[in-house]
Amino acid sequence: MGIAALLLPLAFHPAHADTSQQNKMTACNKEAGAMKGDERKAFMKSCLSSKPKVSDAQQAQREKMKSCNAAAGDRKGDERKTFMSGCLKGD
């Protein structure tokens, strides 16, 4: 039995769960403040299901990546890596 087979159950252990959802729950609870009942339920549902806001810098980086990917065309391997690196740096 390989090490991977021994470690596989640990990957699904709750202690390894993503803490981003826990952080989101904490932030939403704080933001809900003194709300109670149906108002709080509705707010929490909305807050927990909302996607994180994307900053202008992140959006610009995504657009740049999309543009460079299109410009890279059929390049592969090292040629593609070199091109993408230069393109993303603005060379």
PDB file of N, CA and C in Angstrom:
ATOM      1  N   MET A   1       0.869  -1.175   0.000  1.00  0.00           N
ATOM      2  CA  MET A   1       0.000   0.000   0.000  1.00  0.00           C
ATOM      3  C   MET A   1       0.910   1.231   0.000  1.00  0.00           C
ATOM      4  N   GLY A   2       0.683   2.117  -0.926  1.00  0.00           N
ATOM      5  CA  GLY A   2       1.516   3.305  -1.052  1.00  0.00           C
ATOM      6  C   GLY A   2       1.155   4.373  -0.031  1.00  0.00           C
ATOM      7  N   ILE A   3       2.046   5.326   0.096  1.00  0.00           N
ATOM      8  CA  ILE A   3       1.826   6.440   1.018  1.00  0.00           C
ATOM      9  C   ILE A   3       0.582   7.234   0.633  1.00  0.00           C
ATOM     10  N   ALA A   4       0.373   7.379  -0.670  1.00  0.00           N
ATOM     11  CA  ALA A   4      -0.801   8.133  -1.132  1.00  0.00           C
ATOM     12  C   ALA A   4      -2.082   7.489  -0.625  1.00  0.00           C
ATOM     13  N   ALA A   5      -2.142   6.153  -0.630  1.00  0.00           N
ATOM     14  CA  ALA A   5      -3.338   5.456  -0.150  1.00  0.00           C
ATOM     15  C   ALA A   5      -3.534   5.674   1.343  1.00  0.00           C
ATOM     16  N   LEU A   6      -2.442   5.802   2.068  1.00  0.00           N
ATOM     17  CA  LEU A   6      -2.536   6.043   3.509  1.00  0.00           C
ATOM     18  C   LEU A   6      -2.958   7.471   3.821  1.00  0.00           C
ATOM     19  N   LEU A   7      -2.542   8.409   2.979  1.00  0.00           N
ATOM     20  CA  LEU A   7      -2.833   9.820   3.226  1.00  0.00           C
ATOM     21  C   LEU A   7      -4.176  10.262   2.659  1.00  0.00           C
ATOM     22  N   LEU A   8      -4.756   9.479   1.740  1.00  0.00           N
ATOM     23  CA  LEU A   8      -6.008   9.854   1.104  1.00  0.00           C
ATOM     24  C   LEU A   8      -7.117  10.171   2.105  1.00  0.00           C
ATOM     25  N   PRO A   9      -7.338   9.357   3.142  1.00  0.00           N
ATOM     26  CA  PRO A   9      -8.404   9.697   4.094  1.00  0.00           C
ATOM     27  C   PRO A   9      -8.185  11.051   4.773  1.00  0.00           C
ATOM     28  N   LEU A  10      -6.949  11.460   4.942  1.00  0.00           N
ATOM     29  CA  LEU A  10      -6.663  12.749   5.580  1.00  0.00           C
ATOM     30  C   LEU A  10      -7.118  13.921   4.721  1.00  0.00           C
ATOM     31  N   ALA A  11      -7.136  13.726   3.406  1.00  0.00           N
ATOM     32  CA  ALA A  11      -7.539  14.802   2.499  1.00  0.00           C
ATOM     33  C   ALA A  11      -9.003  15.179   2.697  1.00  0.00           C
ATOM     34  N   PHE A  12      -9.795  14.251   3.200  1.00  0.00           N
ATOM     35  CA  PHE A  12     -11.217  14.508   3.391  1.00  0.00           C
ATOM     36  C   PHE A  12     -11.574  14.788   4.842  1.00  0.00           C
ATOM     37  N   HIS A  13     -10.581  14.896   5.687  1.00  0.00           N
ATOM     38  CA  HIS A  13     -10.813  15.173   7.104  1.00  0.00           C
ATOM     39  C   HIS A  13     -11.272  16.617   7.267  1.00  0.00           C
ATOM     40  N   PRO A  14     -12.285  16.880   8.111  1.00  0.00           N
ATOM     41  CA  PRO A  14     -12.815  18.241   8.279  1.00  0.00           C
ATOM     42  C   PRO A  14     -11.769  19.262   8.692  1.00  0.00           C
ATOM     43  N   ALA A  15     -10.727  18.839   9.366  1.00  0.00           N
ATOM     44  CA  ALA A  15      -9.689  19.784   9.787  1.00  0.00           C
ATOM     45  C   ALA A  15      -8.982  20.398   8.591  1.00  0.00           C
ATOM     46  N   HIS A  16      -9.049  19.717   7.457  1.00  0.00           N
ATOM     47  CA  HIS A  16      -8.396  20.225   6.250  1.00  0.00           C
ATOM     48  C   HIS A  16      -9.361  21.018   5.377  1.00  0.00           C
ATOM     49  N   ALA A  17     -10.554  21.267   5.883  1.00  0.00           N
ATOM     50  CA  ALA A  17     -11.560  22.003   5.106  1.00  0.00           C
ATOM     51  C   ALA A  17     -11.065  23.411   4.823  1.00  0.00           C
ATOM     52  N   ASP A  18     -11.551  23.968   3.731  1.00  0.00           N
ATOM     53  CA  ASP A  18     -11.169  25.319   3.327  1.00  0.00           C
ATOM     54  C   ASP A  18     -11.674  26.326   4.358  1.00  0.00           C
ATOM     55  N   THR A  19     -10.778  27.128   4.885  1.00  0.00           N
ATOM     56  CA  THR A  19     -11.178  28.097   5.909  1.00  0.00           C
ATOM     57  C   THR A  19     -11.790  29.350   5.304  1.00  0.00           C
ATOM     58  N   SER A  20     -11.765  29.480   3.989  1.00  0.00           N
ATOM     59  CA  SER A  20     -12.347  30.681   3.385  1.00  0.00           C
ATOM     60  C   SER A  20     -13.847  30.760   3.663  1.00  0.00           C
ATOM     61  N   GLN A  21     -14.538  29.619   3.665  1.00  0.00           N
ATOM     62  CA  GLN A  21     -15.964  29.619   3.973  1.00  0.00           C
ATOM     63  C   GLN A  21     -16.180  30.010   5.434  1.00  0.00           C
ATOM     64  N   GLN A  22     -15.307  29.539   6.319  1.00  0.00           N
ATOM     65  CA  GLN A  22     -15.403  29.914   7.732  1.00  0.00           C
ATOM     66  C   GLN A  22     -15.168  31.415   7.897  1.00  0.00           C
ATOM     67  N   ASN A  23     -14.201  31.932   7.173  1.00  0.00           N
ATOM     68  CA  ASN A  23     -13.910  33.371   7.233  1.00  0.00           C
ATOM     69  C   ASN A  23     -15.098  34.178   6.717  1.00  0.00           C
ATOM     70  N   LYS A  24     -15.725  33.672   5.655  1.00  0.00           N
ATOM     71  CA  LYS A  24     -16.886  34.348   5.081  1.00  0.00           C
ATOM     72  C   LYS A  24     -18.036  34.348   6.088  1.00  0.00           C
ATOM     73  N   MET A  25     -18.244  33.213   6.771  1.00  0.00           N
ATOM     74  CA  MET A  25     -19.303  33.105   7.769  1.00  0.00           C
ATOM     75  C   MET A  25     -19.067  34.111   8.901  1.00  0.00           C
ATOM     76  N   THR A  26     -17.831  34.214   9.348  1.00  0.00           N
ATOM     77  CA  THR A  26     -17.489  35.158  10.408  1.00  0.00           C
ATOM     78  C   THR A  26     -17.767  36.590   9.973  1.00  0.00           C
ATOM     79  N   ALA A  27     -17.350  36.927   8.759  1.00  0.00           N
ATOM     80  CA  ALA A  27     -17.558  38.285   8.247  1.00  0.00           C
ATOM     81  C   ALA A  27     -19.046  38.589   8.092  1.00  0.00           C
ATOM     82  N   CYS A  28     -19.809  37.632   7.569  1.00  0.00           N
ATOM     83  CA  CYS A  28     -21.253  37.844   7.389  1.00  0.00           C
ATOM     84  C   CYS A  28     -21.951  37.993   8.740  1.00  0.00           C
ATOM     85  N   ASN A  29     -21.568  37.172   9.712  1.00  0.00           N
ATOM     86  CA  ASN A  29     -22.153  37.281  11.051  1.00  0.00           C
ATOM     87  C   ASN A  29     -21.905  38.656  11.645  1.00  0.00           C
ATOM     88  N   LYS A  30     -20.682  39.135  11.476  1.00  0.00           N
ATOM     89  CA  LYS A  30     -20.327  40.454  12.009  1.00  0.00           C
ATOM     90  C   LYS A  30     -21.151  41.538  11.316  1.00  0.00           C
ATOM     91  N   GLU A  31     -21.283  41.412  10.005  1.00  0.00           N
ATOM     92  CA  GLU A  31     -22.021  42.398   9.226  1.00  0.00           C
ATOM     93  C   GLU A  31     -23.526  42.370   9.546  1.00  0.00           C
ATOM     94  N   ALA A  32     -24.036  41.187   9.890  1.00  0.00           N
ATOM     95  CA  ALA A  32     -25.461  41.051  10.215  1.00  0.00           C
ATOM     96  C   ALA A  32     -25.811  41.779  11.503  1.00  0.00           C
ATOM     97  N   GLY A  33     -24.833  41.931  12.366  1.00  0.00           N
ATOM     98  CA  GLY A  33     -25.036  42.684  13.603  1.00  0.00           C
ATOM     99  C   GLY A  33     -26.216  42.201  14.419  1.00  0.00           C
ATOM    100  N   ALA A  34     -27.167  43.078  14.694  1.00  0.00           N
ATOM    101  CA  ALA A  34     -28.292  42.776  15.578  1.00  0.00           C
ATOM    102  C   ALA A  34     -29.524  42.282  14.833  1.00  0.00           C
ATOM    103  N   MET A  35     -29.398  41.979  13.543  1.00  0.00           N
ATOM    104  CA  MET A  35     -30.558  41.479  12.797  1.00  0.00           C
ATOM    105  C   MET A  35     -31.064  40.200  13.442  1.00  0.00           C
ATOM    106  N   LYS A  36     -32.365  39.978  13.335  1.00  0.00           N
ATOM    107  CA  LYS A  36     -32.963  38.783  13.922  1.00  0.00           C
ATOM    108  C   LYS A  36     -33.989  38.176  12.968  1.00  0.00           C
ATOM    109  N   GLY A  37     -34.318  36.921  13.202  1.00  0.00           N
ATOM    110  CA  GLY A  37     -35.389  36.234  12.483  1.00  0.00           C
ATOM    111  C   GLY A  37     -35.191  36.151  10.990  1.00  0.00           C
ATOM    112  N   ASP A  38     -36.295  36.366  10.269  1.00  0.00           N
ATOM    113  CA  ASP A  38     -36.288  36.237   8.807  1.00  0.00           C
ATOM    114  C   ASP A  38     -35.342  37.225   8.137  1.00  0.00           C
ATOM    115  N   GLU A  39     -35.233  38.418   8.723  1.00  0.00           N
ATOM    116  CA  GLU A  39     -34.322  39.425   8.155  1.00  0.00           C
ATOM    117  C   GLU A  39     -32.890  38.895   8.185  1.00  0.00           C
ATOM    118  N   ARG A  40     -32.486  38.314   9.320  1.00  0.00           N
ATOM    119  CA  ARG A  40     -31.125  37.775   9.462  1.00  0.00           C
ATOM    120  C   ARG A  40     -30.919  36.597   8.514  1.00  0.00           C
ATOM    121  N   LYS A  41     -31.915  35.690   8.442  1.00  0.00           N
ATOM    122  CA  LYS A  41     -31.805  34.530   7.542  1.00  0.00           C
ATOM    123  C   LYS A  41     -31.596  34.983   6.102  1.00  0.00           C
ATOM    124  N   ALA A  42     -32.406  35.938   5.663  1.00  0.00           N
ATOM    125  CA  ALA A  42     -32.303  36.428   4.290  1.00  0.00           C
ATOM    126  C   ALA A  42     -30.943  37.087   4.045  1.00  0.00           C
ATOM    127  N   PHE A  43     -30.510  37.891   5.012  1.00  0.00           N
ATOM    128  CA  PHE A  43     -29.216  38.550   4.861  1.00  0.00           C
ATOM    129  C   PHE A  43     -28.091  37.526   4.788  1.00  0.00           C
ATOM    130  N   MET A  44     -28.088  36.550   5.703  1.00  0.00           N
ATOM    131  CA  MET A  44     -27.025  35.546   5.741  1.00  0.00           C
ATOM    132  C   MET A  44     -26.999  34.727   4.452  1.00  0.00           C
ATOM    133  N   LYS A  45     -28.171  34.364   3.943  1.00  0.00           N
ATOM    134  CA  LYS A  45     -28.230  33.604   2.701  1.00  0.00           C
ATOM    135  C   LYS A  45     -27.596  34.397   1.563  1.00  0.00           C
ATOM    136  N   SER A  46     -27.961  35.658   1.477  1.00  0.00           N
ATOM    137  CA  SER A  46     -27.427  36.522   0.428  1.00  0.00           C
ATOM    138  C   SER A  46     -25.920  36.724   0.603  1.00  0.00           C
ATOM    139  N   CYS A  47     -25.516  36.998   1.814  1.00  0.00           N
ATOM    140  CA  CYS A  47     -24.097  37.275   2.103  1.00  0.00           C
ATOM    141  C   CYS A  47     -23.225  36.051   1.812  1.00  0.00           C
ATOM    142  N   LEU A  48     -23.667  34.884   2.260  1.00  0.00           N
ATOM    143  CA  LEU A  48     -22.859  33.680   2.087  1.00  0.00           C
ATOM    144  C   LEU A  48     -22.819  33.189   0.644  1.00  0.00           C
ATOM    145  N   SER A  49     -23.832  33.517  -0.142  1.00  0.00           N
ATOM    146  CA  SER A  49     -23.853  33.062  -1.530  1.00  0.00           C
ATOM    147  C   SER A  49     -23.204  34.054  -2.485  1.00  0.00           C
ATOM    148  N   SER A  50     -22.885  35.243  -2.003  1.00  0.00           N
ATOM    149  CA  SER A  50     -22.290  36.246  -2.882  1.00  0.00           C
ATOM    150  C   SER A  50     -20.848  35.880  -3.214  1.00  0.00           C
ATOM    151  N   LYS A  51     -20.452  36.241  -4.396  1.00  0.00           N
ATOM    152  CA  LYS A  51     -19.090  36.000  -4.839  1.00  0.00           C
ATOM    153  C   LYS A  51     -18.214  37.158  -4.373  1.00  0.00           C
ATOM    154  N   PRO A  52     -16.927  36.872  -4.103  1.00  0.00           N
ATOM    155  CA  PRO A  52     -16.031  37.953  -3.694  1.00  0.00           C
ATOM    156  C   PRO A  52     -15.900  39.001  -4.795  1.00  0.00           C
ATOM    157  N   LYS A  53     -15.751  40.237  -4.394  1.00  0.00           N
ATOM    158  CA  LYS A  53     -15.601  41.325  -5.361  1.00  0.00           C
ATOM    159  C   LYS A  53     -14.212  41.256  -5.994  1.00  0.00           C
ATOM    160  N   VAL A  54     -14.177  41.526  -7.277  1.00  0.00           N
ATOM    161  CA  VAL A  54     -12.919  41.519  -8.019  1.00  0.00           C
ATOM    162  C   VAL A  54     -12.433  42.957  -8.125  1.00  0.00           C
ATOM    163  N   SER A  55     -11.192  43.175  -7.726  1.00  0.00           N
ATOM    164  CA  SER A  55     -10.638  44.527  -7.786  1.00  0.00           C
ATOM    165  C   SER A  55     -10.349  44.904  -9.237  1.00  0.00           C
ATOM    166  N   ASP A  56     -10.163  46.188  -9.466  1.00  0.00           N
ATOM    167  CA  ASP A  56      -9.833  46.668 -10.813  1.00  0.00           C
ATOM    168  C   ASP A  56      -8.517  46.059 -11.292  1.00  0.00           C
ATOM    169  N   ALA A  57      -7.561  45.931 -10.369  1.00  0.00           N
ATOM    170  CA  ALA A  57      -6.257  45.356 -10.728  1.00  0.00           C
ATOM    171  C   ALA A  57      -6.411  43.893 -11.131  1.00  0.00           C
ATOM    172  N   GLN A  58      -7.245  43.140 -10.384  1.00  0.00           N
ATOM    173  CA  GLN A  58      -7.466  41.745 -10.726  1.00  0.00           C
ATOM    174  C   GLN A  58      -8.159  41.622 -12.078  1.00  0.00           C
ATOM    175  N   GLN A  59      -9.124  42.488 -12.328  1.00  0.00           N
ATOM    176  CA  GLN A  59      -9.840  42.455 -13.603  1.00  0.00           C
ATOM    177  C   GLN A  59      -8.895  42.800 -14.754  1.00  0.00           C
ATOM    178  N   ALA A  60      -8.031  43.774 -14.547  1.00  0.00           N
ATOM    179  CA  ALA A  60      -7.064  44.148 -15.572  1.00  0.00           C
ATOM    180  C   ALA A  60      -6.113  42.988 -15.868  1.00  0.00           C
ATOM    181  N   GLN A  61      -5.687  42.274 -14.815  1.00  0.00           N
ATOM    182  CA  GLN A  61      -4.789  41.133 -14.996  1.00  0.00           C
ATOM    183  C   GLN A  61      -5.490  40.021 -15.772  1.00  0.00           C
ATOM    184  N   ARG A  62      -6.765  39.793 -15.476  1.00  0.00           N
ATOM    185  CA  ARG A  62      -7.532  38.771 -16.206  1.00  0.00           C
ATOM    186  C   ARG A  62      -7.634  39.126 -17.682  1.00  0.00           C
ATOM    187  N   GLU A  63      -7.907  40.406 -17.975  1.00  0.00           N
ATOM    188  CA  GLU A  63      -8.017  40.848 -19.363  1.00  0.00           C
ATOM    189  C   GLU A  63      -6.691  40.703 -20.091  1.00  0.00           C
ATOM    190  N   LYS A  64      -5.601  41.031 -19.397  1.00  0.00           N
ATOM    191  CA  LYS A  64      -4.273  40.917 -19.982  1.00  0.00           C
ATOM    192  C   LYS A  64      -3.963  39.454 -20.298  1.00  0.00           C
ATOM    193  N   MET A  65      -4.319  38.552 -19.363  1.00  0.00           N
ATOM    194  CA  MET A  65      -4.085  37.126 -19.562  1.00  0.00           C
ATOM    195  C   MET A  65      -4.884  36.619 -20.760  1.00  0.00           C
ATOM    196  N   LYS A  66      -6.129  37.060 -20.869  1.00  0.00           N
ATOM    197  CA  LYS A  66      -6.986  36.654 -21.979  1.00  0.00           C
ATOM    198  C   LYS A  66      -6.389  37.131 -23.303  1.00  0.00           C
ATOM    199  N   SER A  67      -5.937  38.367 -23.328  1.00  0.00           N
ATOM    200  CA  SER A  67      -5.353  38.942 -24.537  1.00  0.00           C
ATOM    201  C   SER A  67      -4.069  38.203 -24.936  1.00  0.00           C
ATOM    202  N   CYS A  68      -3.209  37.945 -23.951  1.00  0.00           N
ATOM    203  CA  CYS A  68      -1.951  37.244 -24.230  1.00  0.00           C
ATOM    204  C   CYS A  68      -2.209  35.813 -24.696  1.00  0.00           C
ATOM    205  N   ASN A  69      -3.194  35.141 -24.098  1.00  0.00           N
ATOM    206  CA  ASN A  69      -3.539  33.782 -24.522  1.00  0.00           C
ATOM    207  C   ASN A  69      -3.966  33.766 -25.978  1.00  0.00           C
ATOM    208  N   ALA A  70      -4.780  34.740 -26.361  1.00  0.00           N
ATOM    209  CA  ALA A  70      -5.235  34.822 -27.748  1.00  0.00           C
ATOM    210  C   ALA A  70      -4.058  35.087 -28.681  1.00  0.00           C
ATOM    211  N   ALA A  71      -3.168  35.971 -28.273  1.00  0.00           N
ATOM    212  CA  ALA A  71      -2.014  36.325 -29.099  1.00  0.00           C
ATOM    213  C   ALA A  71      -1.003  35.182 -29.189  1.00  0.00           C
ATOM    214  N   ALA A  72      -0.970  34.309 -28.187  1.00  0.00           N
ATOM    215  CA  ALA A  72      -0.019  33.193 -28.179  1.00  0.00           C
ATOM    216  C   ALA A  72      -0.335  32.190 -29.278  1.00  0.00           C
ATOM    217  N   GLY A  73      -1.597  32.165 -29.676  1.00  0.00           N
ATOM    218  CA  GLY A  73      -1.978  31.292 -30.787  1.00  0.00           C
ATOM    219  C   GLY A  73      -1.656  29.831 -30.542  1.00  0.00           C
ATOM    220  N   ASP A  74      -0.970  29.215 -31.503  1.00  0.00           N
ATOM    221  CA  ASP A  74      -0.657  27.787 -31.448  1.00  0.00           C
ATOM    222  C   ASP A  74       0.704  27.484 -30.832  1.00  0.00           C
ATOM    223  N   ARG A  75       1.346  28.478 -30.275  1.00  0.00           N
ATOM    224  CA  ARG A  75       2.655  28.229 -29.659  1.00  0.00           C
ATOM    225  C   ARG A  75       2.506  27.176 -28.566  1.00  0.00           C
ATOM    226  N   LYS A  76       3.558  26.369 -28.373  1.00  0.00           N
ATOM    227  CA  LYS A  76       3.532  25.315 -27.363  1.00  0.00           C
ATOM    228  C   LYS A  76       4.862  25.273 -26.624  1.00  0.00           C
ATOM    229  N   GLY A  77       4.834  24.643 -25.459  1.00  0.00           N
ATOM    230  CA  GLY A  77       6.052  24.393 -24.692  1.00  0.00           C
ATOM    231  C   GLY A  77       6.785  25.655 -24.281  1.00  0.00           C
ATOM    232  N   ASP A  78       8.116  25.583 -24.395  1.00  0.00           N
ATOM    233  CA  ASP A  78       8.972  26.694 -23.970  1.00  0.00           C
ATOM    234  C   ASP A  78       8.709  27.967 -24.764  1.00  0.00           C
ATOM    235  N   GLU A  79       8.401  27.801 -26.056  1.00  0.00           N
ATOM    236  CA  GLU A  79       8.112  28.976 -26.877  1.00  0.00           C
ATOM    237  C   GLU A  79       6.896  29.726 -26.314  1.00  0.00           C
ATOM    238  N   ARG A  80       5.857  28.979 -25.913  1.00  0.00           N
ATOM    239  CA  ARG A  80       4.657  29.594 -25.349  1.00  0.00           C
ATOM    240  C   ARG A  80       4.965  30.250 -24.004  1.00  0.00           C
ATOM    241  N   LYS A  81       5.730  29.552 -23.154  1.00  0.00           N
ATOM    242  CA  LYS A  81       6.094  30.103 -21.834  1.00  0.00           C
ATOM    243  C   LYS A  81       6.838  31.424 -21.986  1.00  0.00           C
ATOM    244  N   THR A  82       7.802  31.436 -22.891  1.00  0.00           N
ATOM    245  CA  THR A  82       8.590  32.649 -23.115  1.00  0.00           C
ATOM    246  C   THR A  82       7.704  33.780 -23.632  1.00  0.00           C
ATOM    247  N   PHE A  83       6.852  33.454 -24.591  1.00  0.00           N
ATOM    248  CA  PHE A  83       5.952  34.471 -25.138  1.00  0.00           C
ATOM    249  C   PHE A  83       5.025  35.017 -24.052  1.00  0.00           C
ATOM    250  N   MET A  84       4.383  34.128 -23.292  1.00  0.00           N
ATOM    251  CA  MET A  84       3.425  34.551 -22.251  1.00  0.00           C
ATOM    252  C   MET A  84       4.118  35.397 -21.199  1.00  0.00           C
ATOM    253  N   SER A  85       5.298  35.010 -20.810  1.00  0.00           N
ATOM    254  CA  SER A  85       6.038  35.781 -19.802  1.00  0.00           C
ATOM    255  C   SER A  85       6.286  37.199 -20.287  1.00  0.00           C
ATOM    256  N   GLY A  86       6.773  37.323 -21.515  1.00  0.00           N
ATOM    257  CA  GLY A  86       7.026  38.651 -22.083  1.00  0.00           C
ATOM    258  C   GLY A  86       5.752  39.445 -22.263  1.00  0.00           C
ATOM    259  N   CYS A  87       4.718  38.789 -22.732  1.00  0.00           N
ATOM    260  CA  CYS A  87       3.444  39.471 -22.978  1.00  0.00           C
ATOM    261  C   CYS A  87       2.853  39.990 -21.667  1.00  0.00           C
ATOM    262  N   LEU A  88       2.846  39.161 -20.644  1.00  0.00           N
ATOM    263  CA  LEU A  88       2.266  39.573 -19.358  1.00  0.00           C
ATOM    264  C   LEU A  88       3.069  40.666 -18.664  1.00  0.00           C
ATOM    265  N   LYS A  89       4.374  40.691 -18.939  1.00  0.00           N
ATOM    266  CA  LYS A  89       5.228  41.748 -18.383  1.00  0.00           C
ATOM    267  C   LYS A  89       5.110  43.040 -19.169  1.00  0.00           C
ATOM    268  N   GLY A  90       4.545  42.913 -20.368  1.00  0.00           N
ATOM    269  CA  GLY A  90       4.392  44.094 -21.215  1.00  0.00           C
ATOM    270  C   GLY A  90       5.569  44.344 -22.121  1.00  0.00           C
ATOM    271  N   ASP A  91       6.390  43.314 -22.334  1.00  0.00           N
ATOM    272  CA  ASP A  91       7.555  43.451 -23.226  1.00  0.00           C
ATOM    273  C   ASP A  91       7.125  43.549 -24.668  1.00  0.00           C
TER     274      ASP A  91
END
